[in-house]
Amino acid sequence: MTTFKKINKAEEIDMKVQDTTEVLNKPEHKKAVQEMNEAMEAVRREYKVKESKSQTSAANVILTS
């Protein structure tokens, strides 16, 4: 007999959310996902630009020190 109890809550969670699950494949859902993807792409581009500028600035500081 083992003193450890196996804990698996996946089935319990699946049963709880089964009634509240909604398939999001309607045109308005797809449009919302597309808009979110476009917004996130803009955020990623902005982040890359800022990161690049930060690295360039750090390199300049190191080289001038």
N, C-alpha and C. Protein backbone atom coordinates (compact mmCIF):
# COMPACT_ATOMS: atom_id res chain seq x y z
N MET A 1 0.85 -1.19 0.00
CA MET A 1 0.00 0.00 0.00
C MET A 1 0.89 1.23 0.00
N THR A 2 0.62 2.14 -0.90
CA THR A 2 1.43 3.35 -1.02
C THR A 2 0.84 4.48 -0.18
N THR A 3 1.70 5.35 0.25
CA THR A 3 1.23 6.49 1.05
C THR A 3 0.92 7.69 0.17
N PHE A 4 1.19 7.56 -1.11
CA PHE A 4 0.94 8.66 -2.03
C PHE A 4 -0.38 8.44 -2.76
N LYS A 5 -1.15 9.50 -2.87
CA LYS A 5 -2.42 9.44 -3.56
C LYS A 5 -2.28 10.15 -4.90
N LYS A 6 -2.68 9.49 -5.95
CA LYS A 6 -2.60 10.08 -7.28
C LYS A 6 -3.72 11.10 -7.42
N ILE A 7 -3.35 12.30 -7.83
CA ILE A 7 -4.33 13.37 -7.99
C ILE A 7 -4.45 13.69 -9.47
N ASN A 8 -5.62 13.48 -10.00
CA ASN A 8 -5.89 13.82 -11.40
C ASN A 8 -7.25 14.49 -11.45
N LYS A 9 -7.25 15.77 -11.65
CA LYS A 9 -8.50 16.52 -11.65
C LYS A 9 -9.02 16.80 -13.05
N ALA A 10 -8.36 16.26 -14.06
CA ALA A 10 -8.75 16.55 -15.44
C ALA A 10 -10.18 16.10 -15.71
N GLU A 11 -10.54 14.90 -15.30
CA GLU A 11 -11.89 14.41 -15.56
C GLU A 11 -12.92 15.26 -14.82
N GLU A 12 -12.62 15.62 -13.58
CA GLU A 12 -13.53 16.44 -12.79
C GLU A 12 -13.74 17.81 -13.45
N ILE A 13 -12.67 18.41 -13.92
CA ILE A 13 -12.75 19.71 -14.58
C ILE A 13 -13.52 19.59 -15.89
N ASP A 14 -13.25 18.54 -16.66
CA ASP A 14 -13.96 18.32 -17.92
C ASP A 14 -15.46 18.23 -17.69
N MET A 15 -15.88 17.53 -16.64
CA MET A 15 -17.30 17.39 -16.35
C MET A 15 -17.92 18.75 -15.99
N LYS A 16 -17.18 19.58 -15.25
CA LYS A 16 -17.70 20.88 -14.83
C LYS A 16 -17.88 21.82 -16.02
N VAL A 17 -16.94 21.82 -16.95
CA VAL A 17 -17.00 22.78 -18.06
C VAL A 17 -17.74 22.26 -19.28
N GLN A 18 -18.13 21.01 -19.25
CA GLN A 18 -18.79 20.43 -20.42
C GLN A 18 -20.07 21.18 -20.78
N ASP A 19 -20.83 21.60 -19.77
CA ASP A 19 -22.08 22.31 -20.04
C ASP A 19 -21.86 23.76 -20.46
N THR A 20 -20.72 24.32 -20.12
CA THR A 20 -20.48 25.74 -20.42
C THR A 20 -19.60 25.93 -21.65
N THR A 21 -19.24 24.86 -22.31
CA THR A 21 -18.37 24.95 -23.48
C THR A 21 -19.17 25.46 -24.69
N GLU A 22 -18.57 26.40 -25.42
CA GLU A 22 -19.22 26.96 -26.60
C GLU A 22 -18.23 26.92 -27.76
N VAL A 23 -18.68 26.45 -28.88
CA VAL A 23 -17.84 26.40 -30.08
C VAL A 23 -17.82 27.79 -30.69
N LEU A 24 -16.62 28.31 -30.89
CA LEU A 24 -16.47 29.69 -31.39
C LEU A 24 -16.08 29.68 -32.87
N ASN A 25 -16.98 29.23 -33.71
CA ASN A 25 -16.67 29.23 -35.14
C ASN A 25 -17.71 29.98 -35.96
N LYS A 26 -18.41 30.90 -35.30
CA LYS A 26 -19.33 31.77 -36.02
C LYS A 26 -18.54 32.90 -36.67
N PRO A 27 -19.08 33.51 -37.70
CA PRO A 27 -18.36 34.60 -38.38
C PRO A 27 -17.89 35.71 -37.45
N GLU A 28 -18.74 36.10 -36.48
CA GLU A 28 -18.34 37.18 -35.56
C GLU A 28 -17.18 36.74 -34.66
N HIS A 29 -17.13 35.45 -34.32
CA HIS A 29 -16.02 34.94 -33.51
C HIS A 29 -14.73 34.95 -34.33
N LYS A 30 -14.84 34.49 -35.57
CA LYS A 30 -13.66 34.47 -36.43
C LYS A 30 -13.13 35.87 -36.68
N LYS A 31 -14.04 36.83 -36.84
CA LYS A 31 -13.64 38.23 -37.04
C LYS A 31 -12.93 38.76 -35.80
N ALA A 32 -13.45 38.43 -34.62
CA ALA A 32 -12.83 38.88 -33.36
C ALA A 32 -11.43 38.29 -33.21
N VAL A 33 -11.27 37.03 -33.57
CA VAL A 33 -9.96 36.39 -33.49
C VAL A 33 -8.99 37.05 -34.46
N GLN A 34 -9.45 37.34 -35.67
CA GLN A 34 -8.60 37.99 -36.66
C GLN A 34 -8.15 39.36 -36.19
N GLU A 35 -9.09 40.13 -35.62
CA GLU A 35 -8.75 41.46 -35.10
C GLU A 35 -7.75 41.36 -33.95
N MET A 36 -7.93 40.37 -33.08
CA MET A 36 -7.01 40.17 -31.97
C MET A 36 -5.62 39.80 -32.50
N ASN A 37 -5.58 38.93 -33.50
CA ASN A 37 -4.28 38.55 -34.08
C ASN A 37 -3.57 39.75 -34.69
N GLU A 38 -4.31 40.61 -35.38
CA GLU A 38 -3.72 41.80 -35.98
C GLU A 38 -3.20 42.75 -34.91
N ALA A 39 -3.98 42.91 -33.84
CA ALA A 39 -3.54 43.79 -32.74
C ALA A 39 -2.29 43.24 -32.08
N MET A 40 -2.24 41.93 -31.87
CA MET A 40 -1.07 41.32 -31.24
C MET A 40 0.16 41.39 -32.14
N GLU A 41 -0.04 41.30 -33.44
CA GLU A 41 1.08 41.44 -34.38
C GLU A 41 1.67 42.84 -34.29
N ALA A 42 0.81 43.84 -34.17
CA ALA A 42 1.29 45.22 -34.01
C ALA A 42 2.08 45.37 -32.72
N VAL A 43 1.61 44.76 -31.66
CA VAL A 43 2.32 44.82 -30.38
C VAL A 43 3.68 44.14 -30.49
N ARG A 44 3.72 42.98 -31.16
CA ARG A 44 5.00 42.26 -31.33
C ARG A 44 5.99 43.09 -32.14
N ARG A 45 5.51 43.75 -33.21
CA ARG A 45 6.39 44.60 -34.02
C ARG A 45 6.94 45.74 -33.19
N GLU A 46 6.07 46.39 -32.43
CA GLU A 46 6.49 47.51 -31.58
C GLU A 46 7.52 47.05 -30.56
N TYR A 47 7.31 45.88 -29.98
CA TYR A 47 8.25 45.34 -29.01
C TYR A 47 9.61 45.08 -29.64
N LYS A 48 9.61 44.51 -30.84
CA LYS A 48 10.87 44.22 -31.53
C LYS A 48 11.64 45.51 -31.80
N VAL A 49 10.94 46.55 -32.22
CA VAL A 49 11.60 47.84 -32.49
C VAL A 49 12.21 48.39 -31.21
N LYS A 50 11.44 48.37 -30.12
CA LYS A 50 11.94 48.89 -28.84
C LYS A 50 13.13 48.06 -28.35
N GLU A 51 13.05 46.74 -28.51
CA GLU A 51 14.14 45.87 -28.07
C GLU A 51 15.40 46.16 -28.87
N SER A 52 15.25 46.34 -30.17
CA SER A 52 16.39 46.64 -31.02
C SER A 52 17.03 47.97 -30.64
N LYS A 53 16.20 48.98 -30.40
CA LYS A 53 16.72 50.29 -29.99
C LYS A 53 17.43 50.19 -28.63
N SER A 54 16.89 49.39 -27.74
CA SER A 54 17.48 49.21 -26.43
C SER A 54 18.84 48.55 -26.54
N GLN A 55 18.94 47.53 -27.37
CA GLN A 55 20.23 46.85 -27.56
C GLN A 55 21.26 47.78 -28.19
N THR A 56 20.83 48.58 -29.16
CA THR A 56 21.73 49.53 -29.79
C THR A 56 22.22 50.56 -28.77
N SER A 57 21.32 51.05 -27.96
CA SER A 57 21.66 52.02 -26.92
C SER A 57 22.64 51.41 -25.92
N ALA A 58 22.38 50.16 -25.50
CA ALA A 58 23.27 49.50 -24.56
C ALA A 58 24.65 49.30 -25.16
N ALA A 59 24.71 48.95 -26.42
CA ALA A 59 26.00 48.75 -27.09
C ALA A 59 26.75 50.06 -27.16
N ASN A 60 26.06 51.17 -27.45
CA ASN A 60 26.71 52.48 -27.50
C ASN A 60 27.27 52.87 -26.13
N VAL A 61 26.53 52.60 -25.08
CA VAL A 61 26.99 52.91 -23.74
C VAL A 61 28.24 52.11 -23.40
N ILE A 62 28.21 50.84 -23.75
CA ILE A 62 29.37 49.97 -23.46
C ILE A 62 30.59 50.42 -24.25
N LEU A 63 30.39 50.77 -25.52
CA LEU A 63 31.51 51.15 -26.37
C LEU A 63 32.09 52.52 -25.97
N THR A 64 31.27 53.41 -25.45
CA THR A 64 31.77 54.73 -25.10
C THR A 64 32.34 54.79 -23.67
N SER A 65 32.14 53.73 -22.92
CA SER A 65 32.66 53.71 -21.54
C SER A 65 34.11 53.35 -21.48
